[in-house]
Amino acid sequence: MSTPTNETPNVVVQNPQVRKVANVVLGIALIVFPAAAVLDGASADLDFSQWLIPATAVTSFLAGVFGLAVTTPNVPAKS
């Protein structure tokens, strides 16, 4: 019997539940912030720019880092 090999040896976050929760949180933020920007642009009474611009920048940065550092290494290697 052969020893199973690890298909994803570079996994940074070992716990799949943590990866899933982080991905969902980032995904929701990446949907909500642009929707808030559209709402802000459509209404003269709203001004979300004080928090929306920095929040969008930070979220985009974190999503990129998460994708490159966590999601990409977790893709199984070719056999």
Protein backbone atom coordinates (compact mmCIF):
# COMPACT_ATOMS: atom_id res chain seq x y z
CA MET A 1 0.00 0.00 0.00
CA SER A 2 1.40 3.37 -0.98
CA THR A 3 1.44 6.39 1.25
CA PRO A 4 -0.98 9.10 0.06
CA THR A 5 0.76 12.25 -1.08
CA ASN A 6 -0.35 15.69 -0.07
CA GLU A 7 -1.87 17.32 -3.16
CA THR A 8 -1.66 20.77 -1.61
CA PRO A 9 1.66 20.97 0.22
CA ASN A 10 1.69 24.78 0.37
CA VAL A 11 -1.55 25.30 2.26
CA VAL A 12 -1.09 28.39 4.41
CA VAL A 13 -4.34 28.18 6.39
CA GLN A 14 -4.78 24.55 7.38
CA ASN A 15 -8.33 24.81 8.71
CA PRO A 16 -10.82 24.67 5.81
CA GLN A 17 -13.53 26.31 7.92
CA VAL A 18 -11.32 29.35 8.53
CA ARG A 19 -10.58 29.57 4.79
CA LYS A 20 -14.29 29.36 3.99
CA VAL A 21 -15.30 32.02 6.52
CA ALA A 22 -12.55 34.40 5.40
CA ASN A 23 -13.55 33.90 1.77
CA VAL A 24 -17.24 34.54 2.53
CA VAL A 25 -16.48 37.68 4.56
CA LEU A 26 -14.25 39.10 1.83
CA GLY A 27 -16.80 38.15 -0.83
CA ILE A 28 -19.64 39.89 1.00
CA ALA A 29 -17.53 43.02 1.49
CA LEU A 30 -16.59 43.00 -2.20
CA ILE A 31 -20.32 42.98 -3.05
CA VAL A 32 -21.54 45.44 -0.41
CA PHE A 33 -18.94 48.18 -0.91
CA PRO A 34 -19.51 48.66 -4.65
CA ALA A 35 -23.27 48.56 -4.05
CA ALA A 36 -22.85 51.30 -1.44
CA ALA A 37 -20.77 53.30 -3.93
CA VAL A 38 -23.56 53.07 -6.51
CA LEU A 39 -26.12 54.12 -3.91
CA ASP A 40 -23.86 56.97 -2.80
CA GLY A 41 -23.43 58.16 -6.37
CA ALA A 42 -27.16 57.98 -7.08
CA SER A 43 -28.21 59.99 -4.04
CA ALA A 44 -27.24 63.56 -3.29
CA ASP A 45 -28.23 63.06 0.36
CA LEU A 46 -25.67 60.34 1.04
CA ASP A 47 -21.94 60.71 1.45
CA PHE A 48 -20.28 57.39 2.21
CA SER A 49 -16.90 58.43 0.79
CA GLN A 50 -15.30 59.06 4.21
CA TRP A 51 -15.39 55.36 5.02
CA LEU A 52 -16.16 53.76 1.66
CA ILE A 53 -12.93 54.64 -0.15
CA PRO A 54 -10.58 53.36 2.60
CA ALA A 55 -12.78 50.31 3.26
CA THR A 56 -12.81 49.39 -0.43
CA ALA A 57 -9.05 49.84 -0.70
CA VAL A 58 -8.35 47.68 2.35
CA THR A 59 -10.85 45.01 1.29
CA SER A 60 -9.42 44.83 -2.22
CA PHE A 61 -5.90 44.54 -0.83
CA LEU A 62 -6.91 41.79 1.61
CA ALA A 63 -8.79 39.89 -1.11
CA GLY A 64 -5.71 39.98 -3.32
CA VAL A 65 -3.41 38.82 -0.54
CA PHE A 66 -5.88 36.10 0.49
CA GLY A 67 -6.19 34.90 -3.09
CA LEU A 68 -2.46 34.78 -3.71
CA ALA A 69 -1.34 33.53 -0.29
CA VAL A 70 -4.20 31.22 0.71
CA THR A 71 -6.44 30.22 -2.20
CA THR A 72 -3.83 29.72 -4.93
CA PRO A 73 -1.54 27.43 -2.89
CA ASN A 74 -4.59 25.38 -1.93
CA VAL A 75 -5.29 24.37 -5.53
CA PRO A 76 -4.26 20.72 -5.94
CA ALA A 77 -1.10 20.08 -7.93
CA LYS A 78 -1.30 18.31 -11.27
CA SER A 79 -0.71 14.61 -11.08
